[in-house]
Amino acid sequence: ARRRLPSHPFSWSLDAKSSAQNSTMGKAGKGTGSFGKRRNKSHSSCPRCGRRSLHLQKGVCSACGYPAARTRRYNWGYKAIRRKTTGTGRMRYMRHLPRRFKNGFREGTQAVSKKASGSD
């Protein structure tokens, strides 16, 4: 009365109902068959960093921490810090600072004309 098992575990047959569902819907895991069910968005685009990381119910960005005043950064994510640090953007103000520092932050002066001094 002892049952004899098949030689290979994958040769066991499923019952007819479950095998029919698996053939039409795909497997009930995280892969291809499950992607058709994904239609709800939990994150929207963030007004500060522009990534699709703003959680709609919490209202907090998972990438930059918006609406907090300080930008979210952790030392365990050193490659993420490198992507977002100073110098990766336009630096509209800071890119001119070395030249202005060299000239002593002078303002409101006019450069001496080289034409007038050279023709004398």
C-alpha atoms as a PDB file:
ATOM      1  CA  ALA A   1       0.000   0.000   0.000  1.00  0.00           C
ATOM      2  CA  ARG A   2       3.053   2.250  -0.168  1.00  0.00           C
ATOM      3  CA  ARG A   3       2.783   4.982  -2.885  1.00  0.00           C
ATOM      4  CA  ARG A   4       5.606   5.174  -5.319  1.00  0.00           C
ATOM      5  CA  LEU A   5       6.861   8.739  -6.054  1.00  0.00           C
ATOM      6  CA  PRO A   6       7.847   9.835  -9.555  1.00  0.00           C
ATOM      7  CA  SER A   7      11.548   9.773 -10.384  1.00  0.00           C
ATOM      8  CA  HIS A   8      11.708  13.559 -10.892  1.00  0.00           C
ATOM      9  CA  PRO A   9       9.839  16.052  -8.659  1.00  0.00           C
ATOM     10  CA  PHE A  10       8.870  18.304 -11.584  1.00  0.00           C
ATOM     11  CA  SER A  11       7.044  15.478 -13.301  1.00  0.00           C
ATOM     12  CA  TRP A  12       4.226  15.598 -10.742  1.00  0.00           C
ATOM     13  CA  SER A  13       1.053  16.762 -12.469  1.00  0.00           C
ATOM     14  CA  LEU A  14      -1.166  19.494 -11.063  1.00  0.00           C
ATOM     15  CA  ASP A  15      -4.923  19.102 -10.941  1.00  0.00           C
ATOM     16  CA  ALA A  16      -6.791  20.242 -14.064  1.00  0.00           C
ATOM     17  CA  LYS A  17      -8.245  23.442 -12.560  1.00  0.00           C
ATOM     18  CA  SER A  18      -4.965  24.962 -11.378  1.00  0.00           C
ATOM     19  CA  SER A  19      -3.080  24.035 -14.543  1.00  0.00           C
ATOM     20  CA  ALA A  20      -5.721  25.798 -16.670  1.00  0.00           C
ATOM     21  CA  GLN A  21      -5.371  28.976 -14.580  1.00  0.00           C
ATOM     22  CA  ASN A  22      -1.596  28.921 -14.815  1.00  0.00           C
ATOM     23  CA  SER A  23      -1.644  28.593 -18.578  1.00  0.00           C
ATOM     24  CA  THR A  24      -3.834  31.691 -19.090  1.00  0.00           C
ATOM     25  CA  MET A  25      -2.748  33.991 -16.256  1.00  0.00           C
ATOM     26  CA  GLY A  26       0.898  33.075 -15.838  1.00  0.00           C
ATOM     27  CA  LYS A  27       2.406  32.212 -12.519  1.00  0.00           C
ATOM     28  CA  ALA A  28       1.224  34.023  -9.409  1.00  0.00           C
ATOM     29  CA  GLY A  29       4.682  35.352  -8.529  1.00  0.00           C
ATOM     30  CA  LYS A  30       6.314  38.727  -9.139  1.00  0.00           C
ATOM     31  CA  GLY A  31       7.178  38.183 -12.800  1.00  0.00           C
ATOM     32  CA  THR A  32       5.525  38.532 -16.194  1.00  0.00           C
ATOM     33  CA  GLY A  33       2.081  37.256 -15.238  1.00  0.00           C
ATOM     34  CA  SER A  34       1.765  39.742 -12.394  1.00  0.00           C
ATOM     35  CA  PHE A  35       2.695  42.861 -14.355  1.00  0.00           C
ATOM     36  CA  GLY A  36      -0.742  43.055 -15.943  1.00  0.00           C
ATOM     37  CA  LYS A  37      -2.312  43.617 -12.530  1.00  0.00           C
ATOM     38  CA  ARG A  38      -0.166  46.658 -11.706  1.00  0.00           C
ATOM     39  CA  ARG A  39      -2.295  49.732 -12.367  1.00  0.00           C
ATOM     40  CA  ASN A  40      -2.191  51.837  -9.186  1.00  0.00           C
ATOM     41  CA  LYS A  41       0.456  54.519  -8.700  1.00  0.00           C
ATOM     42  CA  SER A  42       1.856  55.068  -5.223  1.00  0.00           C
ATOM     43  CA  HIS A  43       4.454  57.691  -6.275  1.00  0.00           C
ATOM     44  CA  SER A  44       4.203  60.863  -8.363  1.00  0.00           C
ATOM     45  CA  SER A  45       6.838  63.310  -9.610  1.00  0.00           C
ATOM     46  CA  CYS A  46       8.540  65.460  -6.976  1.00  0.00           C
ATOM     47  CA  PRO A  47       8.552  69.247  -7.425  1.00  0.00           C
ATOM     48  CA  ARG A  48      12.082  69.553  -5.968  1.00  0.00           C
ATOM     49  CA  CYS A  49      14.127  66.708  -7.459  1.00  0.00           C
ATOM     50  CA  GLY A  50      11.880  65.809 -10.408  1.00  0.00           C
ATOM     51  CA  ARG A  51      12.015  62.060  -9.778  1.00  0.00           C
ATOM     52  CA  ARG A  52       8.904  59.888  -9.541  1.00  0.00           C
ATOM     53  CA  SER A  53       9.429  59.433  -5.822  1.00  0.00           C
ATOM     54  CA  LEU A  54       6.800  61.600  -4.111  1.00  0.00           C
ATOM     55  CA  HIS A  55       4.531  59.242  -2.139  1.00  0.00           C
ATOM     56  CA  LEU A  56       0.966  60.294  -2.826  1.00  0.00           C
ATOM     57  CA  GLN A  57      -0.532  59.336   0.556  1.00  0.00           C
ATOM     58  CA  LYS A  58       2.410  60.365   2.730  1.00  0.00           C
ATOM     59  CA  GLY A  59       3.277  63.440   0.647  1.00  0.00           C
ATOM     60  CA  VAL A  60       6.998  62.811   1.208  1.00  0.00           C
ATOM     61  CA  CYS A  61       9.603  62.249  -1.490  1.00  0.00           C
ATOM     62  CA  SER A  62      11.609  59.068  -1.007  1.00  0.00           C
ATOM     63  CA  ALA A  63      14.574  60.449  -2.991  1.00  0.00           C
ATOM     64  CA  CYS A  64      15.129  63.968  -1.639  1.00  0.00           C
ATOM     65  CA  GLY A  65      12.877  64.105   1.448  1.00  0.00           C
ATOM     66  CA  TYR A  66      10.654  66.940   0.165  1.00  0.00           C
ATOM     67  CA  PRO A  67       8.869  68.856   1.844  1.00  0.00           C
ATOM     68  CA  ALA A  68      11.613  68.792   4.504  1.00  0.00           C
ATOM     69  CA  ALA A  69      13.997  71.739   4.326  1.00  0.00           C
ATOM     70  CA  ARG A  70      17.096  69.525   4.311  1.00  0.00           C
ATOM     71  CA  THR A  71      17.776  67.268   1.353  1.00  0.00           C
ATOM     72  CA  ARG A  72      17.664  63.573   2.223  1.00  0.00           C
ATOM     73  CA  ARG A  73      21.113  61.952   2.192  1.00  0.00           C
ATOM     74  CA  TYR A  74      22.731  59.083   4.041  1.00  0.00           C
ATOM     75  CA  ASN A  75      26.382  58.143   4.312  1.00  0.00           C
ATOM     76  CA  TRP A  76      25.593  54.503   3.465  1.00  0.00           C
ATOM     77  CA  GLY A  77      24.486  55.770   0.035  1.00  0.00           C
ATOM     78  CA  TYR A  78      27.779  57.377  -0.940  1.00  0.00           C
ATOM     79  CA  LYS A  79      27.203  56.777  -4.664  1.00  0.00           C
ATOM     80  CA  ALA A  80      23.820  58.510  -4.435  1.00  0.00           C
ATOM     81  CA  ILE A  81      25.486  61.477  -2.694  1.00  0.00           C
ATOM     82  CA  ARG A  82      28.008  61.633  -5.546  1.00  0.00           C
ATOM     83  CA  ARG A  83      25.176  61.845  -8.099  1.00  0.00           C
ATOM     84  CA  LYS A  84      23.368  64.670  -6.314  1.00  0.00           C
ATOM     85  CA  THR A  85      26.209  66.771  -4.854  1.00  0.00           C
ATOM     86  CA  THR A  86      27.370  70.285  -5.769  1.00  0.00           C
ATOM     87  CA  GLY A  87      28.855  70.411  -9.242  1.00  0.00           C
ATOM     88  CA  THR A  88      26.457  67.965 -10.893  1.00  0.00           C
ATOM     89  CA  GLY A  89      24.061  70.736 -11.906  1.00  0.00           C
ATOM     90  CA  ARG A  90      24.371  74.152 -13.543  1.00  0.00           C
ATOM     91  CA  MET A  91      25.838  75.996 -10.522  1.00  0.00           C
ATOM     92  CA  ARG A  92      24.486  79.313 -11.813  1.00  0.00           C
ATOM     93  CA  TYR A  93      25.918  81.232  -8.851  1.00  0.00           C
ATOM     94  CA  MET A  94      28.907  79.197  -7.684  1.00  0.00           C
ATOM     95  CA  ARG A  95      30.617  78.698 -11.031  1.00  0.00           C
ATOM     96  CA  HIS A  96      31.602  82.398 -11.122  1.00  0.00           C
ATOM     97  CA  LEU A  97      32.952  82.573  -7.552  1.00  0.00           C
ATOM     98  CA  PRO A  98      36.613  81.618  -8.245  1.00  0.00           C
ATOM     99  CA  ARG A  99      36.979  84.475 -10.784  1.00  0.00           C
ATOM    100  CA  ARG A 100      35.218  86.973  -8.511  1.00  0.00           C
ATOM    101  CA  PHE A 101      37.389  85.907  -5.558  1.00  0.00           C
ATOM    102  CA  LYS A 102      40.550  86.355  -7.639  1.00  0.00           C
ATOM    103  CA  ASN A 103      39.522  89.954  -8.372  1.00  0.00           C
ATOM    104  CA  GLY A 104      38.588  90.733  -4.789  1.00  0.00           C
ATOM    105  CA  PHE A 105      34.805  90.768  -5.359  1.00  0.00           C
ATOM    106  CA  ARG A 106      35.019  94.200  -7.000  1.00  0.00           C
ATOM    107  CA  GLU A 107      31.761  95.682  -8.305  1.00  0.00           C
ATOM    108  CA  GLY A 108      30.657  98.806 -10.126  1.00  0.00           C
ATOM    109  CA  THR A 109      34.014  99.496 -11.826  1.00  0.00           C
ATOM    110  CA  GLN A 110      34.764  99.763 -15.527  1.00  0.00           C
ATOM    111  CA  ALA A 111      37.750  98.046 -17.123  1.00  0.00           C
ATOM    112  CA  VAL A 112      40.426 100.384 -18.507  1.00  0.00           C
ATOM    113  CA  SER A 113      40.259 100.544 -22.291  1.00  0.00           C
ATOM    114  CA  LYS A 114      43.286  99.012 -23.958  1.00  0.00           C
ATOM    115  CA  LYS A 115      42.719 101.025 -27.161  1.00  0.00           C
ATOM    116  CA  ALA A 116      43.073 104.396 -25.466  1.00  0.00           C
ATOM    117  CA  SER A 117      46.241 103.484 -23.560  1.00  0.00           C
ATOM    118  CA  GLY A 118      47.885 101.799 -26.586  1.00  0.00           C
ATOM    119  CA  SER A 119      47.437 104.674 -29.111  1.00  0.00           C
ATOM    120  CA  ASP A 120      49.314 107.288 -27.030  1.00  0.00           C
END
